[in-house]
């Protein structure tokens, strides 16, 4: 059974917005180590179905994201913060496609 909990990991503005629309749980980590720890904890929670993480927090832990993204659930979704996109989403998506099909594809 897929969990139905939506988790948001991001800056205070992003987290506040998602809390207002009903995100189940949220975290505002301040270091890459804390981000990795929070992400891993929520990822291992069987009730979690979707993890939303802002690109600036995702970029320093890209290798962890790649490793966790190999599992079909929970889904990890990278979003820009209020400063705009950093391109981290494209990097992660490009690597996942390369692993899946064995060739580099422009996204």
C-alpha atoms as a PDB file:
ATOM      1  CA  UNK A   1       0.000   0.000   0.000  1.00  0.00           C
ATOM      2  CA  UNK A   2       1.285   3.440  -0.945  1.00  0.00           C
ATOM      3  CA  UNK A   3       1.325   6.038   1.816  1.00  0.00           C
ATOM      4  CA  UNK A   4      -0.803   9.133   1.573  1.00  0.00           C
ATOM      5  CA  UNK A   5       1.361  11.503   3.597  1.00  0.00           C
ATOM      6  CA  UNK A   6       2.779  14.540   1.765  1.00  0.00           C
ATOM      7  CA  UNK A   7       6.045  15.817   3.215  1.00  0.00           C
ATOM      8  CA  UNK A   8       7.676  19.153   2.368  1.00  0.00           C
ATOM      9  CA  UNK A   9      11.357  19.889   2.964  1.00  0.00           C
ATOM     10  CA  UNK A  10      12.290  23.472   2.247  1.00  0.00           C
ATOM     11  CA  UNK A  11      12.774  27.027   3.391  1.00  0.00           C
ATOM     12  CA  UNK A  12      10.332  28.729   5.757  1.00  0.00           C
ATOM     13  CA  UNK A  13       8.330  30.418   2.951  1.00  0.00           C
ATOM     14  CA  UNK A  14       7.884  27.211   0.968  1.00  0.00           C
ATOM     15  CA  UNK A  15       6.985  25.159   4.018  1.00  0.00           C
ATOM     16  CA  UNK A  16       4.477  27.756   5.231  1.00  0.00           C
ATOM     17  CA  UNK A  17       2.728  27.764   1.843  1.00  0.00           C
ATOM     18  CA  UNK A  18       2.441  23.998   1.759  1.00  0.00           C
ATOM     19  CA  UNK A  19       1.224  23.873   5.361  1.00  0.00           C
ATOM     20  CA  UNK A  20      -1.567  26.261   4.410  1.00  0.00           C
ATOM     21  CA  UNK A  21      -2.788  23.824   1.756  1.00  0.00           C
ATOM     22  CA  UNK A  22      -2.572  20.755   3.962  1.00  0.00           C
ATOM     23  CA  UNK A  23       0.901  19.195   3.744  1.00  0.00           C
ATOM     24  CA  UNK A  24       1.079  16.419   6.313  1.00  0.00           C
ATOM     25  CA  UNK A  25       4.568  17.089   7.638  1.00  0.00           C
ATOM     26  CA  UNK A  26       7.237  19.690   6.979  1.00  0.00           C
ATOM     27  CA  UNK A  27      10.888  20.306   7.802  1.00  0.00           C
ATOM     28  CA  UNK A  28      13.173  23.319   7.501  1.00  0.00           C
ATOM     29  CA  UNK A  29      16.715  21.892   7.609  1.00  0.00           C
ATOM     30  CA  UNK A  30      19.677  24.258   7.816  1.00  0.00           C
ATOM     31  CA  UNK A  31      22.596  22.047   6.728  1.00  0.00           C
ATOM     32  CA  UNK A  32      23.124  19.416   4.027  1.00  0.00           C
ATOM     33  CA  UNK A  33      23.594  16.770   6.727  1.00  0.00           C
ATOM     34  CA  UNK A  34      20.293  17.723   8.346  1.00  0.00           C
ATOM     35  CA  UNK A  35      18.584  17.741   4.938  1.00  0.00           C
ATOM     36  CA  UNK A  36      19.932  14.252   4.163  1.00  0.00           C
ATOM     37  CA  UNK A  37      18.830  12.971   7.572  1.00  0.00           C
ATOM     38  CA  UNK A  38      15.305  14.414   7.276  1.00  0.00           C
ATOM     39  CA  UNK A  39      14.918  13.159   3.703  1.00  0.00           C
ATOM     40  CA  UNK A  40      16.045   9.659   4.619  1.00  0.00           C
ATOM     41  CA  UNK A  41      13.776   9.511   7.663  1.00  0.00           C
ATOM     42  CA  UNK A  42      10.688  10.524   5.666  1.00  0.00           C
ATOM     43  CA  UNK A  43      11.679   8.277   2.761  1.00  0.00           C
ATOM     44  CA  UNK A  44      11.729   5.244   5.063  1.00  0.00           C
ATOM     45  CA  UNK A  45       8.325   6.076   6.551  1.00  0.00           C
ATOM     46  CA  UNK A  46       5.797   3.706   4.896  1.00  0.00           C
ATOM     47  CA  UNK A  47       3.060   6.340   5.268  1.00  0.00           C
ATOM     48  CA  UNK A  48       4.932   8.808   3.024  1.00  0.00           C
ATOM     49  CA  UNK A  49       3.688   8.927  -0.566  1.00  0.00           C
ATOM     50  CA  UNK A  50       5.238  12.196  -1.783  1.00  0.00           C
ATOM     51  CA  UNK A  51       8.292  14.155  -0.677  1.00  0.00           C
ATOM     52  CA  UNK A  52       8.569  17.709  -2.011  1.00  0.00           C
ATOM     53  CA  UNK A  53      12.012  19.277  -1.605  1.00  0.00           C
ATOM     54  CA  UNK A  54      13.280  22.647  -2.786  1.00  0.00           C
ATOM     55  CA  UNK A  55      16.104  22.639  -5.330  1.00  0.00           C
ATOM     56  CA  UNK A  56      18.585  24.635  -3.191  1.00  0.00           C
ATOM     57  CA  UNK A  57      18.332  22.034  -0.429  1.00  0.00           C
ATOM     58  CA  UNK A  58      18.448  19.147  -2.912  1.00  0.00           C
ATOM     59  CA  UNK A  59      21.568  20.250  -4.804  1.00  0.00           C
ATOM     60  CA  UNK A  60      24.144  19.492  -2.037  1.00  0.00           C
ATOM     61  CA  UNK A  61      22.652  16.021  -1.448  1.00  0.00           C
ATOM     62  CA  UNK A  62      22.220  15.092  -5.090  1.00  0.00           C
ATOM     63  CA  UNK A  63      23.916  11.687  -4.680  1.00  0.00           C
ATOM     64  CA  UNK A  64      21.476  10.736  -1.912  1.00  0.00           C
ATOM     65  CA  UNK A  65      18.549  11.876  -4.061  1.00  0.00           C
ATOM     66  CA  UNK A  66      19.778   9.762  -6.970  1.00  0.00           C
ATOM     67  CA  UNK A  67      20.073   6.710  -4.751  1.00  0.00           C
ATOM     68  CA  UNK A  68      16.628   7.149  -3.188  1.00  0.00           C
ATOM     69  CA  UNK A  69      14.967   7.972  -6.525  1.00  0.00           C
ATOM     70  CA  UNK A  70      15.627   4.442  -7.740  1.00  0.00           C
ATOM     71  CA  UNK A  71      12.677   3.280  -5.620  1.00  0.00           C
ATOM     72  CA  UNK A  72       9.243   3.879  -7.161  1.00  0.00           C
ATOM     73  CA  UNK A  73       7.693   5.189  -3.924  1.00  0.00           C
ATOM     74  CA  UNK A  74       7.663   7.535  -2.251  1.00  0.00           C
ATOM     75  CA  UNK A  75       7.959   9.963  -5.122  1.00  0.00           C
ATOM     76  CA  UNK A  76      10.540  12.719  -4.619  1.00  0.00           C
ATOM     77  CA  UNK A  77       9.635  15.975  -6.356  1.00  0.00           C
ATOM     78  CA  UNK A  78      12.105  18.845  -6.655  1.00  0.00           C
ATOM     79  CA  UNK A  79      10.624  22.330  -6.855  1.00  0.00           C
ATOM     80  CA  UNK A  80      12.165  25.795  -7.105  1.00  0.00           C
ATOM     81  CA  UNK A  81      12.068  28.065  -4.095  1.00  0.00           C
ATOM     82  CA  UNK A  82      11.003  31.722  -4.261  1.00  0.00           C
ATOM     83  CA  UNK A  83      14.396  32.620  -5.800  1.00  0.00           C
ATOM     84  CA  UNK A  84      13.604  30.510  -8.877  1.00  0.00           C
ATOM     85  CA  UNK A  85      15.010  27.340 -10.392  1.00  0.00           C
ATOM     86  CA  UNK A  86      18.648  26.357  -9.840  1.00  0.00           C
ATOM     87  CA  UNK A  87      18.618  23.665 -12.519  1.00  0.00           C
ATOM     88  CA  UNK A  88      18.993  20.878  -9.938  1.00  0.00           C
ATOM     89  CA  UNK A  89      15.779  19.236 -11.131  1.00  0.00           C
ATOM     90  CA  UNK A  90      17.098  18.944 -14.666  1.00  0.00           C
ATOM     91  CA  UNK A  91      20.376  17.404 -13.439  1.00  0.00           C
ATOM     92  CA  UNK A  92      18.600  14.759 -11.368  1.00  0.00           C
ATOM     93  CA  UNK A  93      16.085  13.993 -14.111  1.00  0.00           C
ATOM     94  CA  UNK A  94      18.834  13.723 -16.733  1.00  0.00           C
ATOM     95  CA  UNK A  95      20.768  11.230 -14.569  1.00  0.00           C
ATOM     96  CA  UNK A  96      17.666   9.134 -13.863  1.00  0.00           C
ATOM     97  CA  UNK A  97      16.898   8.947 -17.592  1.00  0.00           C
ATOM     98  CA  UNK A  98      20.517   8.048 -18.358  1.00  0.00           C
ATOM     99  CA  UNK A  99      20.348   5.205 -15.824  1.00  0.00           C
ATOM    100  CA  UNK A 100      17.008   3.959 -17.139  1.00  0.00           C
ATOM    101  CA  UNK A 101      17.759   3.950 -20.865  1.00  0.00           C
ATOM    102  CA  UNK A 102      21.544   3.949 -20.886  1.00  0.00           C
ATOM    103  CA  UNK A 103      22.039   7.090 -22.941  1.00  0.00           C
ATOM    104  CA  UNK A 104      22.240  10.815 -22.296  1.00  0.00           C
ATOM    105  CA  UNK A 105      19.054  12.695 -23.244  1.00  0.00           C
ATOM    106  CA  UNK A 106      18.650  16.463 -23.177  1.00  0.00           C
ATOM    107  CA  UNK A 107      15.779  17.653 -20.970  1.00  0.00           C
END
